Amino acid sequence: MTSIQITATGVKLLDPFVPVIATLPTGEAKESYSISVSGMGQLTGISYTVPAHTTGKIKAQLQISALSSQDVKDLNTLALGMLDASYREEINEYEKTTASANLSVWTWFFGGGGASASYEKTKQEMRSKGLTDQQITMLMDAFLERAKNMSTVEIEFYVNNQSNDYAVSGDVYLYTVSGTISTEKGTSQYRMLADQAAAGGPPPAGGGAPSSGKIIPLN
């Protein structure tokens, strides 16, 4: 068994959907949040090959801004702390069946892959999960604070190709969630990238190797 390391710059993300930008309904309070549960994104411009029965490390600077893995972890902790134990268990089970990995809290909130959520839908969904208006505001304020401080990022992913009889190369596929958030404290677009991915081919079609790691801010 051997291990290789690949470093790349200028990597682009191909989004599967254009983010939904919600407008504030007339007469509503100054809060709105749109979420485009974008589905599987594709990182292009990485030149690498991980041979059969080996592991590899990919470190690549992306040409986009995104929340870091730590930002997502902090928001997940805050959101989960507001939910009843039964809902937290539901998310744990949901995460086992979806490619959204550490973004599963948000895809669960808003209807799964490919869904989009306008201002009204997000608030209704959060209320239906037991969150109060005060908790929703607290969560969205925390979200906005991190979104306004997004920076360009790099990925540091480990590719596990030990179980495959073939080499993997090409693009890296990972789940992405993006949208716009607005509260009385400001407005910002945001993007979250999953901390698990597939190297060389999109799941579940096969032909790729599982990879995992973290999203690291550069600024």
Protein backbone atom coordinates (compact mmCIF):
# COMPACT_ATOMS: atom_id res chain seq x y z
CA MET A 1 0.00 0.00 0.00
CA THR A 2 1.31 3.43 -0.96
CA SER A 3 0.09 6.99 -0.45
CA ILE A 4 0.38 9.94 -2.82
CA GLN A 5 -0.28 13.65 -2.38
CA ILE A 6 -1.67 16.09 -4.94
CA THR A 7 -1.73 19.88 -4.62
CA ALA A 8 -3.68 22.09 -7.03
CA THR A 9 -4.74 25.73 -7.38
CA GLY A 10 -7.45 27.47 -9.38
CA VAL A 11 -9.99 24.68 -9.00
CA LYS A 12 -13.55 25.54 -10.04
CA LEU A 13 -16.89 24.32 -8.69
CA LEU A 14 -19.66 23.47 -11.14
CA ASP A 15 -22.97 24.05 -9.34
CA PRO A 16 -25.92 21.88 -10.39
CA PHE A 17 -28.44 24.65 -9.68
CA VAL A 18 -28.58 28.43 -9.48
CA PRO A 19 -29.26 29.53 -5.87
CA VAL A 20 -32.76 30.76 -5.10
CA ILE A 21 -32.82 34.37 -3.95
CA ALA A 22 -35.88 35.01 -1.81
CA THR A 23 -37.60 38.38 -1.70
CA LEU A 24 -39.16 39.64 1.49
CA PRO A 25 -42.98 39.43 1.43
CA THR A 26 -44.76 42.76 1.86
CA GLY A 27 -45.40 43.55 5.50
CA GLU A 28 -43.08 40.87 6.86
CA ALA A 29 -40.36 41.47 9.42
CA LYS A 30 -36.88 42.07 8.08
CA GLU A 31 -35.91 38.42 7.94
CA SER A 32 -35.63 36.20 4.92
CA TYR A 33 -33.62 33.14 4.09
CA SER A 34 -33.49 31.20 0.88
CA ILE A 35 -31.81 27.85 0.52
CA SER A 36 -31.06 26.08 -2.71
CA VAL A 37 -30.26 22.52 -1.73
CA SER A 38 -28.09 22.30 -4.77
CA GLY A 39 -27.16 18.64 -4.79
CA MET A 40 -23.93 17.22 -6.14
CA GLY A 41 -21.33 19.81 -7.13
CA GLN A 42 -18.28 19.04 -9.25
CA LEU A 43 -14.75 20.32 -8.64
CA THR A 44 -12.92 20.65 -11.94
CA GLY A 45 -9.30 21.45 -12.77
CA ILE A 46 -7.65 18.92 -10.45
CA SER A 47 -5.00 16.78 -12.12
CA TYR A 48 -4.42 13.61 -10.11
CA THR A 49 -4.39 9.84 -10.24
CA VAL A 50 -4.74 7.54 -7.26
CA PRO A 51 -3.70 4.02 -8.32
CA ALA A 52 -5.60 0.90 -7.36
CA HIS A 53 -5.23 -0.29 -3.74
CA THR A 54 -3.67 2.99 -2.56
CA THR A 55 -4.67 6.16 -0.77
CA GLY A 56 -4.12 9.75 -1.77
CA LYS A 57 -4.36 13.24 -0.34
CA ILE A 58 -5.80 16.07 -2.44
CA LYS A 59 -5.15 19.65 -1.36
CA ALA A 60 -6.68 22.19 -3.72
CA GLN A 61 -7.41 25.93 -3.60
CA LEU A 62 -10.90 26.72 -4.92
CA GLN A 63 -11.92 29.78 -6.91
CA ILE A 64 -15.00 30.32 -4.75
CA SER A 65 -15.92 31.53 -1.28
CA ALA A 66 -17.54 29.11 1.14
CA LEU A 67 -18.10 28.44 4.82
CA SER A 68 -15.36 26.40 6.45
CA SER A 69 -15.91 22.96 7.95
CA GLN A 70 -15.64 24.59 11.39
CA ASP A 71 -18.37 27.11 10.47
CA VAL A 72 -20.67 24.27 9.42
CA LYS A 73 -19.87 22.31 12.57
CA ASP A 74 -20.71 25.32 14.76
CA LEU A 75 -24.02 25.92 12.97
CA ASN A 76 -24.90 22.22 13.15
CA THR A 77 -24.24 22.19 16.88
CA LEU A 78 -26.44 25.24 17.39
CA ALA A 79 -29.29 23.84 15.28
CA LEU A 80 -29.16 20.37 16.83
CA GLY A 81 -29.21 21.88 20.30
CA MET A 82 -32.58 23.45 19.47
CA LEU A 83 -34.19 20.16 18.38
CA ASP A 84 -35.82 17.43 20.44
CA ALA A 85 -33.98 14.13 20.80
CA SER A 86 -36.39 12.39 18.40
CA TYR A 87 -35.55 14.86 15.63
CA ARG A 88 -31.81 14.54 16.30
CA GLU A 89 -32.12 10.77 15.91
CA GLU A 90 -34.09 11.30 12.70
CA ILE A 91 -31.22 13.39 11.32
CA ASN A 92 -28.68 10.71 12.30
CA GLU A 93 -30.67 8.13 10.32
CA TYR A 94 -31.18 10.50 7.41
CA GLU A 95 -27.44 11.18 7.19
CA LYS A 96 -26.80 7.46 6.62
CA THR A 97 -28.85 7.50 3.44
CA THR A 98 -27.82 10.79 1.82
CA ALA A 99 -24.71 12.18 0.13
CA SER A 100 -25.04 15.51 1.94
CA ALA A 101 -22.80 14.32 4.82
CA ASN A 102 -22.23 17.11 7.37
CA LEU A 103 -24.80 19.29 5.55
CA SER A 104 -27.57 16.80 6.37
CA VAL A 105 -29.07 19.04 9.08
CA TRP A 106 -29.89 21.60 6.39
CA THR A 107 -31.05 19.24 3.66
CA TRP A 108 -33.26 17.51 6.27
CA PHE A 109 -34.73 20.85 7.33
CA PHE A 110 -35.62 21.83 3.80
CA GLY A 111 -36.73 18.76 1.95
CA GLY A 112 -33.75 16.85 0.60
CA GLY A 113 -31.66 16.97 -2.54
CA GLY A 114 -32.66 19.33 -5.33
CA ALA A 115 -35.18 21.18 -3.17
CA SER A 116 -35.26 24.92 -2.71
CA ALA A 117 -36.73 26.87 0.16
CA SER A 118 -38.07 30.40 0.06
CA TYR A 119 -38.59 32.66 3.08
CA GLU A 120 -42.04 31.27 3.87
CA LYS A 121 -41.04 27.63 3.42
CA THR A 122 -37.94 27.86 5.60
CA LYS A 123 -39.83 29.42 8.47
CA GLN A 124 -42.68 26.93 8.20
CA GLU A 125 -40.29 23.99 8.09
CA MET A 126 -38.37 25.22 11.13
CA ARG A 127 -41.56 25.81 13.08
CA SER A 128 -42.83 22.34 12.13
CA LYS A 129 -39.66 20.88 13.68
CA GLY A 130 -40.44 22.62 16.98
CA LEU A 131 -38.30 25.76 16.71
CA THR A 132 -39.71 28.97 18.14
CA ASP A 133 -39.47 32.30 16.31
CA GLN A 134 -36.83 33.36 18.81
CA GLN A 135 -34.75 30.27 18.09
CA ILE A 136 -35.12 30.77 14.32
CA THR A 137 -33.87 34.34 14.64
CA MET A 138 -30.93 33.22 16.79
CA LEU A 139 -29.99 30.52 14.26
CA MET A 140 -30.29 32.86 11.27
CA ASP A 141 -28.24 35.58 12.99
CA ALA A 142 -25.48 33.04 13.61
CA PHE A 143 -25.74 31.87 10.01
CA LEU A 144 -25.52 35.44 8.71
CA GLU A 145 -22.46 36.22 10.84
CA ARG A 146 -20.55 33.32 9.30
CA ALA A 147 -21.83 33.98 5.78
CA LYS A 148 -20.62 37.59 5.89
CA ASN A 149 -17.16 36.37 6.85
CA MET A 150 -16.84 33.71 4.15
CA SER A 151 -13.50 33.58 2.39
CA THR A 152 -11.94 31.64 -0.42
CA VAL A 153 -11.19 28.12 0.72
CA GLU A 154 -9.13 25.06 0.03
CA ILE A 155 -10.07 21.41 0.38
CA GLU A 156 -7.88 18.86 2.11
CA PHE A 157 -9.37 15.47 1.29
CA TYR A 158 -8.07 11.94 1.73
CA VAL A 159 -8.97 9.51 -1.06
CA ASN A 160 -9.40 5.87 -0.09
CA ASN A 161 -8.92 3.72 -3.19
CA GLN A 162 -7.66 0.66 -1.35
CA SER A 163 -10.71 -1.47 -2.15
CA ASN A 164 -10.74 -0.81 -5.89
CA ASP A 165 -8.91 -2.72 -8.63
CA TYR A 166 -8.72 0.42 -10.77
CA ALA A 167 -7.12 3.86 -10.55
CA VAL A 168 -9.27 6.97 -10.02
CA SER A 169 -8.63 10.37 -11.57
CA GLY A 170 -10.45 13.45 -12.78
CA ASP A 171 -13.00 15.59 -11.00
CA VAL A 172 -14.12 15.44 -7.37
CA TYR A 173 -17.85 15.35 -6.58
CA LEU A 174 -19.27 16.74 -3.35
CA TYR A 175 -22.58 18.02 -2.05
CA THR A 176 -23.18 21.76 -1.91
CA VAL A 177 -25.88 23.91 -0.31
CA SER A 178 -26.15 27.60 -1.15
CA GLY A 179 -28.55 30.49 -0.96
CA THR A 180 -29.14 33.96 0.49
CA ILE A 181 -29.84 35.05 4.05
CA SER A 182 -31.17 38.41 5.25
CA THR A 183 -31.94 39.62 8.77
CA GLU A 184 -32.11 43.02 10.42
CA LYS A 185 -28.33 42.74 10.74
CA GLY A 186 -27.66 42.50 7.01
CA THR A 187 -27.81 40.35 3.89
CA SER A 188 -25.35 37.85 2.48
CA GLN A 189 -25.12 34.96 0.08
CA TYR A 190 -23.59 31.77 1.42
CA ARG A 191 -22.26 28.41 0.28
CA MET A 192 -21.56 25.21 2.22
CA LEU A 193 -19.51 22.29 0.88
CA ALA A 194 -19.78 18.77 2.28
CA ASP A 195 -16.80 17.20 4.04
CA GLN A 196 -17.26 13.88 2.20
CA ALA A 197 -16.84 13.43 -1.54
CA ALA A 198 -16.24 10.97 -4.36
CA ALA A 199 -13.02 11.12 -6.37
CA GLY A 200 -13.06 10.17 -10.04
CA GLY A 201 -16.79 9.55 -10.42
CA PRO A 202 -20.09 10.72 -8.91
CA PRO A 203 -21.96 8.51 -6.45
CA PRO A 204 -23.84 6.25 -6.68
CA ALA A 205 -22.88 5.48 -10.29
CA GLY A 206 -19.60 3.88 -9.22
CA GLY A 207 -16.19 4.29 -10.79
CA GLY A 208 -15.01 6.57 -8.01
CA ALA A 209 -13.40 6.32 -4.59
CA PRO A 210 -14.72 7.70 -1.30
CA SER A 211 -12.90 10.67 0.15
CA SER A 212 -13.30 12.83 3.22
CA GLY A 213 -11.61 15.79 4.79
CA LYS A 214 -12.26 19.44 5.53
CA ILE A 215 -12.88 22.85 4.00
CA ILE A 216 -10.24 25.33 5.19
CA PRO A 217 -10.47 29.16 4.94
CA LEU A 218 -7.58 30.89 3.18
CA ASN A 219 -8.16 34.39 4.57
